[in-house]
Amino acid sequence: MAKALTECQSISVRIDDLGEDLIQNILNRLPAKSFASAACVSRSWNSICNRVLSSPKLSSAVSFNPLLENAVNEVVDKVLLEPIRPHFALVSVGPFFLLEETLQLIEGKLGSGIPIIINVSEGIIGRDVHTDQFVEVQWEVTVEDDTAVLPDQHVQRGIILTVGFLPGLKAHVIPLFQHKGPQGLLVDKFVTDIREAASTVSDSASPAGIILFAGRKTNIKPVLQTIDSQFLYGRNIGENITMSPGSTCAAVALVLTRDMNKPLGIGETKFHVMLSTGVSPIGPTYKANSVKHNKSSTWLTASRETARQHLDGESILEEIYDQLGDRILYPAFYVGVTKRRKCSVGTEKVRRMQFHEFHEVLGGDEEYLFVNYPGIKTGDPFRFYISDSKAALSSSNEVSDKLRHLKLDCERRNNHASGGFGYSDKVKVFGGIIFSCCGRGDPFFGQPRIDSSTFLNNFPGVTFGGAYCAGEIARGNLGLYEPDDEEHSFIHCNQHVFGAVYLVMSYFPPPRER
């Protein structure tokens, strides 16, 4: 080892005669592992390597190899094809790849010292390692007698790996535990742990952003009522978390915090969260009456805001079907409930909050309307919403417009900097992550790759990938769904249905020295 290092150092002395610019060009072409070795050769090479990685990077790859070990090797080799020092790794797999085995393989490749989160998704979105084509693939799942059936194991095998290098930020994994007893979700501890993680490295208790993954059966709504940050959402977690007896890990958050001790010469990574909605309101506004609930659902009657007559489940659904007519075949139905609640964390002062939450409609009979999840109270107003591909396509076009304006803003800043003012390097969008509802995709839109083309048409060649999920999260408001009323912009709406959430990352280099 010592002899090899001496020979490498001797070679570096001769190569140093080439000049730093040419050496940097050579090192910039190395794969990540060789690049990491080169950074250890000498102080001068280490300094050059630090310059190469002075700006953030995102790298992502998809494999459909049916053998897990081979699939992991393929995506890891692809994301490490260029210099990068992973600060975190996000992995989404098909239902026939085991979470624990996937985690062990990824840790063996990337090391256990970085946050790694593995989740079973409803499908994956990204660039195939073999064809270099961008793909949107959903797992084929049918339901028979309330049981999910996967028809072909080979169709359900796939993986997407995304690694990020974000200088100036720190990445933390924070679990949300659930006790089996009456305590349930330990929301207060979860929020406190996030704030403490942010406070230890930055001058604020608020993180720069959170990417949240939860188990299929986790009701994440109580968490969203207490945290004010940027969210994205996945499903079915697998992470290296130590749990106490009697507890389960209901969710896990990748928390990104600003580093107040970041090195000189490091710019700022900015996050832009955009949402494409996929439902539209239908029918009048109702008020909940005679509310009952259990652990997983709510039963209620209702009355229109303009009348006192109590309506049962069948009567309410008949009104909605009459309003719908034959406009949309086989839509998914939800109720959007506006809730006014008191919220607090620990011993903090109680806050009064107003927020909008969606509950899937399960059915109705001569007594009650049935919706999923508890949390609705007598007197809460609600409207029906239906899945709507036309509304989703219109919203996707709006997101595309926002992305185009972001691109133009980067170009404007760079043109200004070229005149001798502004930044030391180019302002750029360097990556994006998407979480799209599993109800979307090609069959929903009637045309291919709508969600991915929204980003790729504006930023071709920029790293982009993600997964299909159920219950996508992004900080928003009711005005996204009902823009005609100005008051709706003050009503929070953080968990969405039939939506696509885009996390777009841009880099602002430090100001140029004068």
Protein backbone atom coordinates (compact mmCIF):
# COMPACT_ATOMS: atom_id res chain seq x y z
CA MET A 1 0.00 0.00 0.00
CA ALA A 2 2.81 2.39 0.97
CA LYS A 3 4.73 1.52 -2.19
CA ALA A 4 1.64 2.06 -4.35
CA LEU A 5 0.98 5.44 -2.74
CA THR A 6 4.63 6.48 -3.24
CA GLU A 7 4.43 5.55 -6.92
CA CYS A 8 1.16 7.46 -7.26
CA GLN A 9 2.69 10.50 -5.58
CA SER A 10 5.69 10.27 -7.96
CA ILE A 11 3.31 10.19 -10.90
CA SER A 12 1.46 13.20 -9.48
CA VAL A 13 4.69 15.21 -9.40
CA ARG A 14 5.14 14.65 -13.13
CA ILE A 15 1.46 15.28 -13.90
CA ASP A 16 1.52 18.51 -11.87
CA ASP A 17 3.74 19.96 -14.58
CA LEU A 18 0.64 19.94 -16.84
CA GLY A 19 -0.92 22.81 -14.90
CA GLU A 20 -3.99 22.93 -12.66
CA ASP A 21 -6.53 23.65 -15.42
CA LEU A 22 -5.62 20.53 -17.39
CA ILE A 23 -5.40 18.40 -14.24
CA GLN A 24 -8.87 19.61 -13.21
CA ASN A 25 -10.19 18.68 -16.63
CA ILE A 26 -8.73 15.17 -16.26
CA LEU A 27 -10.01 14.66 -12.69
CA ASN A 28 -13.44 15.90 -13.68
CA ARG A 29 -13.75 12.94 -16.09
CA LEU A 30 -13.01 10.26 -13.47
CA PRO A 31 -15.72 8.04 -11.97
CA ALA A 32 -16.55 8.79 -8.34
CA LYS A 33 -14.41 6.05 -6.75
CA SER A 34 -11.29 6.91 -8.76
CA PHE A 35 -11.96 10.59 -8.08
CA ALA A 36 -12.09 9.91 -4.32
CA SER A 37 -8.72 8.11 -4.54
CA ALA A 38 -7.21 10.97 -6.54
CA ALA A 39 -8.26 13.44 -3.83
CA CYS A 40 -5.98 11.57 -1.40
CA VAL A 41 -2.84 11.75 -3.59
CA SER A 42 -1.61 15.20 -2.58
CA ARG A 43 -2.76 18.50 -1.14
CA SER A 44 -2.78 20.12 -4.55
CA TRP A 45 -4.95 17.36 -6.02
CA ASN A 46 -7.25 17.49 -3.01
CA SER A 47 -7.65 21.22 -3.53
CA ILE A 48 -8.44 20.70 -7.22
CA CYS A 49 -10.96 17.96 -6.37
CA ASN A 50 -12.67 20.29 -3.92
CA ARG A 51 -12.99 22.87 -6.70
CA VAL A 52 -14.54 20.24 -8.98
CA LEU A 53 -17.15 19.50 -6.31
CA SER A 54 -17.74 23.05 -5.16
CA SER A 55 -21.27 23.03 -6.62
CA PRO A 56 -24.12 20.57 -5.89
CA LYS A 57 -24.95 17.52 -7.98
CA LEU A 58 -27.82 15.08 -8.27
CA SER A 59 -27.41 11.72 -9.98
CA SER A 60 -30.12 9.15 -10.69
CA ALA A 61 -30.53 5.84 -12.54
CA VAL A 62 -33.17 3.15 -13.15
CA SER A 63 -32.70 -0.60 -13.66
CA PHE A 64 -35.24 -3.31 -14.44
CA ASN A 65 -32.81 -6.19 -13.97
CA PRO A 66 -34.85 -8.99 -12.32
CA LEU A 67 -31.93 -9.94 -10.03
CA LEU A 68 -31.65 -7.48 -7.14
CA GLU A 69 -27.87 -7.64 -6.76
CA ASN A 70 -27.35 -7.02 -10.47
CA ALA A 71 -29.90 -4.19 -10.46
CA VAL A 72 -28.15 -2.50 -7.53
CA ASN A 73 -24.75 -2.85 -9.23
CA GLU A 74 -26.13 -1.27 -12.41
CA VAL A 75 -27.68 1.80 -10.78
CA VAL A 76 -24.74 2.37 -8.42
CA ASP A 77 -22.22 2.16 -11.28
CA LYS A 78 -24.32 4.65 -13.26
CA VAL A 79 -24.74 7.27 -10.52
CA LEU A 80 -21.04 7.02 -9.63
CA LEU A 81 -19.90 7.35 -13.24
CA GLU A 82 -18.90 10.98 -12.58
CA PRO A 83 -17.33 12.68 -9.53
CA ILE A 84 -19.77 12.93 -6.62
CA ARG A 85 -19.60 12.61 -2.83
CA PRO A 86 -23.02 11.30 -1.81
CA HIS A 87 -24.65 13.16 1.08
CA PHE A 88 -27.81 11.05 0.89
CA ALA A 89 -29.39 8.26 -1.15
CA LEU A 90 -33.06 7.64 -1.96
CA VAL A 91 -34.07 4.26 -3.32
CA SER A 92 -37.47 3.15 -4.64
CA VAL A 93 -38.01 -0.50 -5.55
CA GLY A 94 -40.73 -2.78 -6.88
CA PRO A 95 -42.78 -4.96 -4.51
CA PHE A 96 -40.76 -8.12 -5.21
CA PHE A 97 -37.44 -6.63 -4.06
CA LEU A 98 -36.89 -7.00 -0.30
CA LEU A 99 -36.22 -3.77 1.60
CA GLU A 100 -33.65 -5.15 4.06
CA GLU A 101 -31.64 -6.91 1.36
CA THR A 102 -31.72 -3.77 -0.81
CA LEU A 103 -30.51 -1.65 2.10
CA GLN A 104 -27.61 -4.02 2.80
CA LEU A 105 -26.52 -4.00 -0.84
CA ILE A 106 -26.71 -0.20 -1.13
CA GLU A 107 -24.81 0.27 2.14
CA GLY A 108 -22.15 -2.13 0.86
CA LYS A 109 -21.67 0.10 -2.18
CA LEU A 110 -22.09 3.60 -0.72
CA GLY A 111 -21.17 2.98 2.92
CA SER A 112 -23.32 3.18 6.04
CA GLY A 113 -22.19 6.67 6.97
CA ILE A 114 -24.71 8.51 4.78
CA PRO A 115 -28.51 8.68 5.14
CA ILE A 116 -30.08 5.96 2.98
CA ILE A 117 -33.84 5.52 2.70
CA ILE A 118 -35.36 2.56 0.85
CA ASN A 119 -39.07 2.47 -0.02
CA VAL A 120 -41.45 0.27 -1.97
CA SER A 121 -43.12 2.54 -4.50
CA GLU A 122 -46.15 2.20 -6.76
CA GLY A 123 -43.83 2.62 -9.75
CA ILE A 124 -40.67 4.44 -10.80
CA ILE A 125 -39.83 7.39 -13.03
CA GLY A 126 -36.35 7.93 -14.44
CA ARG A 127 -33.68 7.14 -17.03
CA ASP A 128 -32.98 3.49 -17.86
CA VAL A 129 -29.31 2.49 -17.43
CA HIS A 130 -29.36 0.32 -20.56
CA THR A 131 -31.38 2.32 -23.09
CA ASP A 132 -30.73 5.82 -21.68
CA GLN A 133 -34.44 6.41 -22.38
CA PHE A 134 -36.69 8.15 -19.88
CA VAL A 135 -39.41 5.85 -18.56
CA GLU A 136 -42.52 6.03 -16.38
CA VAL A 137 -43.40 2.53 -15.16
CA GLN A 138 -46.19 1.61 -12.74
CA TRP A 139 -46.40 -1.82 -11.15
CA GLU A 140 -49.35 -3.88 -12.34
CA VAL A 141 -51.58 -4.45 -9.31
CA THR A 142 -55.13 -5.79 -9.34
CA VAL A 143 -57.49 -6.08 -6.38
CA GLU A 144 -59.43 -9.24 -5.66
CA ASP A 145 -61.52 -9.50 -2.48
CA ASP A 146 -59.72 -6.49 -0.94
CA THR A 147 -56.37 -8.19 -1.52
CA ALA A 148 -53.67 -6.78 -3.81
CA VAL A 149 -52.60 -9.29 -6.46
CA LEU A 150 -49.34 -8.92 -8.40
CA PRO A 151 -49.69 -10.84 -11.68
CA ASP A 152 -46.09 -11.24 -12.79
CA GLN A 153 -43.07 -11.04 -10.49
CA HIS A 154 -40.74 -9.94 -13.30
CA VAL A 155 -43.03 -6.99 -14.11
CA GLN A 156 -42.75 -5.86 -10.49
CA ARG A 157 -38.93 -5.80 -10.30
CA GLY A 158 -37.23 -2.46 -10.74
CA ILE A 159 -35.18 0.09 -8.84
CA ILE A 160 -34.35 3.78 -9.00
CA LEU A 161 -31.39 5.17 -7.06
CA THR A 162 -30.94 8.90 -6.54
CA VAL A 163 -27.88 10.30 -4.76
CA GLY A 164 -27.35 13.92 -3.88
CA PHE A 165 -24.31 16.03 -3.11
CA LEU A 166 -25.38 19.34 -1.56
CA PRO A 167 -22.44 21.36 -0.18
CA GLY A 168 -23.59 23.91 2.36
CA LEU A 169 -26.35 21.58 3.57
CA LYS A 170 -26.47 18.71 6.05
CA ALA A 171 -28.68 15.63 5.63
CA HIS A 172 -30.30 13.84 8.59
CA VAL A 173 -32.65 10.86 8.91
CA ILE A 174 -35.38 11.43 11.52
CA PRO A 175 -37.83 8.57 12.29
CA LEU A 176 -41.46 8.94 13.33
CA PHE A 177 -42.21 6.22 15.88
CA GLN A 178 -45.59 4.74 16.70
CA HIS A 179 -46.35 3.11 20.04
CA LYS A 180 -48.73 0.18 20.11
CA GLY A 181 -50.49 1.67 23.13
CA PRO A 182 -52.77 4.74 23.42
CA GLN A 183 -49.92 7.15 22.61
CA GLY A 184 -50.05 6.21 18.93
CA LEU A 185 -47.87 8.38 16.68
CA LEU A 186 -45.17 10.27 18.61
CA VAL A 187 -45.72 13.46 16.62
CA ASP A 188 -44.33 15.84 19.24
CA LYS A 189 -41.06 13.92 19.49
CA PHE A 190 -40.80 13.77 15.69
CA VAL A 191 -41.23 17.53 15.30
CA THR A 192 -38.84 18.24 18.20
CA ASP A 193 -36.18 15.93 16.73
CA ILE A 194 -36.42 17.74 13.38
CA ARG A 195 -36.03 21.14 15.05
CA GLU A 196 -33.08 19.97 17.11
CA ALA A 197 -31.36 18.54 14.02
CA ALA A 198 -31.75 21.90 12.29
CA SER A 199 -30.61 23.91 15.32
CA THR A 200 -27.38 21.95 15.77
CA VAL A 201 -25.97 22.95 12.38
CA SER A 202 -27.80 26.14 11.42
CA ASP A 203 -29.00 29.36 12.99
CA SER A 204 -32.64 28.31 12.61
CA ALA A 205 -34.86 25.54 13.98
CA SER A 206 -36.59 25.32 10.59
CA PRO A 207 -34.97 22.98 8.04
CA ALA A 208 -34.45 23.95 4.42
CA GLY A 209 -36.68 21.06 3.38
CA ILE A 210 -38.05 17.66 4.30
CA ILE A 211 -38.62 14.59 2.14
CA LEU A 212 -41.04 12.35 4.02
CA PHE A 213 -41.73 8.65 3.53
CA ALA A 214 -44.47 6.79 5.39
CA GLY A 215 -45.86 3.28 5.71
CA ARG A 216 -48.99 2.35 3.79
CA LYS A 217 -51.19 2.32 6.87
CA THR A 218 -49.79 5.46 8.48
CA ASN A 219 -52.21 8.37 8.82
CA ILE A 220 -49.72 11.17 8.26
CA LYS A 221 -52.29 13.99 8.57
CA PRO A 222 -51.51 14.79 12.27
CA VAL A 223 -47.86 15.37 11.33
CA LEU A 224 -48.72 17.76 8.51
CA GLN A 225 -50.84 19.82 10.86
CA THR A 226 -47.81 20.64 13.03
CA ILE A 227 -44.84 21.07 10.66
CA ASP A 228 -44.39 24.08 8.41
CA SER A 229 -41.81 23.16 5.79
CA GLN A 230 -41.44 21.77 2.29
CA PHE A 231 -42.66 18.22 1.77
CA LEU A 232 -42.52 15.37 -0.64
CA TYR A 233 -43.93 11.96 -0.01
CA GLY A 234 -43.22 8.30 -0.69
CA ARG A 235 -44.41 4.97 0.67
CA ASN A 236 -43.25 1.88 2.56
CA ILE A 237 -39.99 2.71 4.23
CA GLY A 238 -36.87 0.66 4.89
CA GLU A 239 -34.10 2.35 6.82
CA ASN A 240 -31.41 1.58 9.38
CA ILE A 241 -33.33 2.89 12.41
CA THR A 242 -32.99 1.43 15.92
CA MET A 243 -36.43 1.07 17.51
CA SER A 244 -37.36 0.67 21.17
CA PRO A 245 -39.47 -2.30 22.31
CA GLY A 246 -43.19 -1.78 21.65
CA SER A 247 -42.56 0.74 18.86
CA THR A 248 -42.70 0.64 15.10
CA CYS A 249 -41.29 3.11 12.59
CA ALA A 250 -44.35 4.65 10.94
CA ALA A 251 -42.47 7.19 8.81
CA VAL A 252 -39.00 8.59 8.22
CA ALA A 253 -37.90 12.03 7.08
CA LEU A 254 -34.83 13.07 5.15
CA VAL A 255 -34.21 16.48 6.72
CA LEU A 256 -32.00 18.96 4.86
CA THR A 257 -30.61 21.81 6.99
CA ARG A 258 -28.43 24.82 6.22
CA ASP A 259 -24.84 24.53 7.48
CA MET A 260 -23.81 27.74 9.21
CA ASN A 261 -20.16 26.58 9.06
CA LYS A 262 -20.07 25.85 5.35
CA PRO A 263 -16.64 26.44 3.73
CA LEU A 264 -15.83 29.67 1.92
CA GLY A 265 -16.56 29.67 -1.78
CA ILE A 266 -19.70 27.55 -1.47
CA GLY A 267 -22.86 29.04 -2.91
CA GLU A 268 -26.49 28.35 -2.02
CA THR A 269 -28.78 25.51 -3.03
CA LYS A 270 -32.39 26.59 -3.41
CA PHE A 271 -35.49 24.39 -3.48
CA HIS A 272 -38.53 25.11 -5.64
CA VAL A 273 -41.63 23.00 -4.93
CA MET A 274 -44.36 22.89 -7.57
CA LEU A 275 -47.61 20.93 -7.65
CA SER A 276 -49.73 19.68 -10.52
CA THR A 277 -53.21 19.00 -9.18
CA GLY A 278 -55.49 16.30 -10.57
CA VAL A 279 -58.96 16.72 -9.08
CA SER A 280 -61.76 19.24 -9.54
CA PRO A 281 -64.63 20.21 -7.20
CA ILE A 282 -68.20 19.15 -7.92
CA GLY A 283 -71.53 19.81 -6.25
CA PRO A 284 -72.50 22.11 -3.38
CA THR A 285 -70.80 22.64 -0.04
CA TYR A 286 -72.07 20.34 2.71
CA LYS A 287 -71.77 20.41 6.48
CA ALA A 288 -70.98 17.22 8.40
CA ASN A 289 -73.62 15.92 10.82
CA SER A 290 -73.96 12.81 13.01
CA VAL A 291 -70.28 11.94 12.74
CA LYS A 292 -68.94 8.57 13.89
CA HIS A 293 -65.47 7.12 13.34
CA ASN A 294 -63.16 4.22 14.06
CA LYS A 295 -59.41 3.82 13.59
CA SER A 296 -59.55 3.79 9.80
CA SER A 297 -62.74 5.54 8.64
CA THR A 298 -65.47 8.09 9.30
CA TRP A 299 -69.26 7.65 8.96
CA LEU A 300 -71.36 10.77 8.59
CA THR A 301 -74.58 12.34 7.45
CA ALA A 302 -74.61 15.85 6.04
CA SER A 303 -76.71 18.85 5.16
CA ARG A 304 -76.27 21.49 2.49
CA GLU A 305 -75.11 24.86 3.78
CA THR A 306 -78.30 26.38 2.32
CA ALA A 307 -80.71 23.81 3.87
CA ARG A 308 -81.14 22.05 7.21
CA GLN A 309 -82.33 18.71 5.84
CA HIS A 310 -80.08 15.83 6.91
CA LEU A 311 -78.93 13.71 3.99
CA ASP A 312 -77.85 10.06 4.20
CA GLY A 313 -75.01 8.55 2.20
CA GLU A 314 -77.13 7.37 -0.73
CA SER A 315 -78.88 10.73 -1.09
CA ILE A 316 -75.58 12.62 -1.08
CA LEU A 317 -74.01 10.35 -3.71
CA GLU A 318 -77.10 10.56 -5.91
CA GLU A 319 -76.78 14.36 -5.92
CA ILE A 320 -73.13 14.13 -6.93
CA TYR A 321 -73.83 11.60 -9.71
CA ASP A 322 -76.58 13.87 -11.04
CA GLN A 323 -74.09 16.76 -11.12
CA LEU A 324 -71.46 14.60 -12.81
CA GLY A 325 -73.62 13.13 -15.57
CA ASP A 326 -71.47 11.39 -18.17
CA ARG A 327 -68.70 13.99 -18.08
CA ILE A 328 -66.08 11.63 -16.62
CA LEU A 329 -66.25 7.82 -16.67
CA TYR A 330 -65.32 5.97 -13.47
CA PRO A 331 -63.80 8.86 -11.52
CA ALA A 332 -62.29 8.51 -8.05
CA PHE A 333 -64.31 10.40 -5.42
CA TYR A 334 -62.98 12.36 -2.46
CA VAL A 335 -64.36 14.80 0.06
CA GLY A 336 -62.25 17.86 0.77
CA VAL A 337 -62.89 18.93 4.37
CA THR A 338 -62.01 22.37 5.72
CA LYS A 339 -61.02 21.93 9.37
CA ARG A 340 -60.46 24.47 12.13
CA ARG A 341 -58.36 22.98 14.88
CA LYS A 342 -56.12 23.85 17.81
CA CYS A 343 -52.54 22.65 17.26
CA SER A 344 -49.42 22.68 19.42
CA VAL A 345 -46.13 20.87 19.93
CA GLY A 346 -45.07 20.00 23.47
CA THR A 347 -45.50 22.95 25.81
CA GLU A 348 -45.78 25.53 23.05
CA LYS A 349 -48.67 27.96 22.94
CA VAL A 350 -51.73 26.50 21.26
CA ARG A 351 -52.34 27.84 17.75
CA ARG A 352 -55.65 27.93 15.92
CA MET A 353 -55.19 26.64 12.39
CA GLN A 354 -57.38 26.20 9.35
CA PHE A 355 -56.51 23.51 6.82
CA HIS A 356 -58.04 21.44 4.03
CA GLU A 357 -57.72 17.64 3.99
CA PHE A 358 -58.88 15.02 1.48
CA HIS A 359 -60.66 11.79 2.49
CA GLU A 360 -61.38 9.10 -0.08
CA VAL A 361 -65.06 8.22 -0.42
CA LEU A 362 -65.59 4.53 0.35
CA GLY A 363 -69.35 4.40 -0.32
CA GLY A 364 -72.72 5.19 1.21
CA ASP A 365 -75.95 3.56 2.35
CA GLU A 366 -79.37 4.57 3.66
CA GLU A 367 -77.73 5.88 6.85
CA TYR A 368 -74.19 7.12 6.32
CA LEU A 369 -71.55 8.32 3.88
CA PHE A 370 -68.30 6.41 4.47
CA VAL A 371 -64.85 7.99 3.97
CA ASN A 372 -61.37 6.83 4.91
CA TYR A 373 -59.49 8.02 7.99
CA PRO A 374 -60.91 9.65 11.11
CA GLY A 375 -60.52 13.35 11.88
CA ILE A 376 -63.82 14.87 10.67
CA LYS A 377 -66.00 16.65 13.24
CA THR A 378 -69.63 17.68 13.30
CA GLY A 379 -69.96 21.07 11.61
CA ASP A 380 -66.93 20.70 9.34
CA PRO A 381 -67.76 21.98 5.82
CA PHE A 382 -66.78 19.81 2.85
CA ARG A 383 -67.12 19.47 -0.92
CA PHE A 384 -66.78 16.53 -3.25
CA TYR A 385 -63.81 16.29 -5.62
CA ILE A 386 -63.34 13.94 -8.56
CA SER A 387 -60.25 12.79 -10.44
CA ASP A 388 -60.06 14.88 -13.62
CA SER A 389 -57.45 14.33 -16.35
CA LYS A 390 -58.32 17.62 -18.09
CA ALA A 391 -57.74 19.56 -14.88
CA ALA A 392 -54.49 17.64 -14.34
CA LEU A 393 -53.25 18.42 -17.86
CA SER A 394 -54.09 22.12 -17.42
CA SER A 395 -52.27 22.16 -14.08
CA SER A 396 -49.24 20.41 -15.62
CA ASN A 397 -49.09 23.17 -18.24
CA GLU A 398 -49.07 25.74 -15.42
CA VAL A 399 -46.17 23.93 -13.76
CA SER A 400 -44.36 23.88 -17.11
CA ASP A 401 -44.83 27.67 -17.36
CA LYS A 402 -43.33 28.10 -13.88
CA LEU A 403 -40.36 25.93 -14.82
CA ARG A 404 -39.85 27.93 -18.01
CA HIS A 405 -39.82 31.17 -16.00
CA LEU A 406 -37.27 29.61 -13.62
CA LYS A 407 -35.08 28.72 -16.59
CA LEU A 408 -35.38 32.25 -18.02
CA ASP A 409 -34.51 33.71 -14.62
CA CYS A 410 -31.31 31.63 -14.48
CA GLU A 411 -30.38 32.77 -18.00
CA ARG A 412 -31.06 36.41 -17.12
CA ARG A 413 -28.84 36.21 -14.04
CA ASN A 414 -26.06 34.56 -16.02
CA ASN A 415 -26.24 37.20 -18.76
CA HIS A 416 -25.97 39.86 -16.09
CA ALA A 417 -22.97 38.09 -14.54
CA SER A 418 -21.17 37.90 -17.90
CA GLY A 419 -20.96 41.68 -17.86
CA GLY A 420 -18.59 41.57 -14.89
CA PHE A 421 -21.21 41.65 -12.15
CA GLY A 422 -23.03 39.07 -10.06
CA TYR A 423 -21.88 35.50 -9.54
CA SER A 424 -18.55 33.69 -9.80
CA ASP A 425 -20.13 30.78 -11.68
CA LYS A 426 -23.36 30.03 -13.55
CA VAL A 427 -26.73 29.99 -11.81
CA LYS A 428 -28.31 26.69 -12.82
CA VAL A 429 -30.99 24.10 -12.19
CA PHE A 430 -29.04 20.92 -11.48
CA GLY A 431 -31.72 18.38 -10.62
CA GLY A 432 -35.30 17.48 -9.87
CA ILE A 433 -37.26 14.82 -7.97
CA ILE A 434 -40.89 13.92 -8.64
CA PHE A 435 -43.51 12.07 -6.61
CA SER A 436 -46.60 11.42 -8.70
CA CYS A 437 -49.91 9.86 -7.67
CA CYS A 438 -50.27 6.24 -8.77
CA GLY A 439 -53.65 7.19 -10.26
CA ARG A 440 -51.91 9.30 -12.89
CA GLY A 441 -49.70 8.02 -15.70
CA ASP A 442 -50.38 7.15 -19.34
CA PRO A 443 -53.89 5.62 -18.91
CA PHE A 444 -55.08 8.63 -16.91
CA PHE A 445 -53.87 11.24 -19.41
CA GLY A 446 -54.39 9.17 -22.55
CA GLN A 447 -50.89 10.10 -23.70
CA PRO A 448 -47.40 9.10 -22.54
CA ARG A 449 -45.02 10.71 -20.01
CA ILE A 450 -46.96 13.89 -19.24
CA ASP A 451 -45.52 14.26 -15.72
CA SER A 452 -41.88 13.76 -16.72
CA SER A 453 -42.06 15.82 -19.93
CA THR A 454 -43.25 18.79 -17.86
CA PHE A 455 -39.73 18.95 -16.41
CA LEU A 456 -37.65 17.46 -19.24
CA ASN A 457 -39.01 19.82 -21.91
CA ASN A 458 -37.67 22.74 -19.89
CA PHE A 459 -34.45 21.16 -18.61
CA PRO A 460 -33.29 18.48 -21.07
CA GLY A 461 -30.19 16.68 -19.85
CA VAL A 462 -30.71 17.69 -16.21
CA THR A 463 -30.94 14.83 -13.69
CA PHE A 464 -34.58 14.00 -12.95
CA GLY A 465 -36.32 11.01 -11.41
CA GLY A 466 -38.76 9.84 -8.78
CA ALA A 467 -41.58 7.46 -8.02
CA TYR A 468 -45.30 6.85 -8.08
CA CYS A 469 -46.90 6.95 -4.64
CA ALA A 470 -50.24 7.35 -2.84
CA GLY A 471 -50.82 10.55 -0.91
CA GLU A 472 -48.30 13.05 -2.30
CA ILE A 473 -47.35 15.95 -0.03
CA ALA A 474 -46.45 19.54 -0.82
CA ARG A 475 -47.11 22.70 1.11
CA GLY A 476 -50.00 24.47 -0.58
CA ASN A 477 -53.43 25.97 -0.02
CA LEU A 478 -57.04 25.49 -1.01
CA GLY A 479 -56.64 28.15 -3.71
CA LEU A 480 -54.89 25.51 -5.83
CA TYR A 481 -58.25 23.77 -6.22
CA GLU A 482 -60.73 26.65 -5.88
CA PRO A 483 -58.95 29.84 -7.00
CA ASP A 484 -62.10 31.97 -7.27
CA ASP A 485 -62.24 32.71 -3.52
CA GLU A 486 -59.31 34.79 -2.19
CA GLU A 487 -59.84 33.46 1.34
CA HIS A 488 -58.89 29.98 0.13
CA SER A 489 -55.26 31.07 -0.22
CA PHE A 490 -55.10 31.26 3.59
CA ILE A 491 -56.33 27.68 4.14
CA HIS A 492 -53.41 25.22 4.22
CA CYS A 493 -53.57 22.08 2.09
CA ASN A 494 -50.49 19.86 2.42
CA GLN A 495 -51.55 16.37 1.36
CA HIS A 496 -52.99 15.94 -2.11
CA VAL A 497 -54.69 13.35 -4.31
CA PHE A 498 -54.09 12.66 -8.01
CA GLY A 499 -51.26 15.20 -7.92
CA ALA A 500 -47.62 15.33 -8.99
CA VAL A 501 -45.10 17.11 -6.77
CA TYR A 502 -41.88 18.48 -8.27
CA LEU A 503 -38.86 19.32 -6.13
CA VAL A 504 -36.57 21.38 -8.36
CA MET A 505 -33.07 22.24 -7.13
CA SER A 506 -31.11 25.25 -8.30
CA TYR A 507 -27.65 26.54 -7.42
CA PHE A 508 -26.63 30.15 -6.82
CA PRO A 509 -22.83 30.45 -6.69
CA PRO A 510 -21.15 32.95 -4.36
CA PRO A 511 -20.77 36.55 -5.58
CA ARG A 512 -17.77 37.29 -7.75
CA GLU A 513 -14.90 38.96 -5.89
CA ARG A 514 -14.17 42.52 -7.02
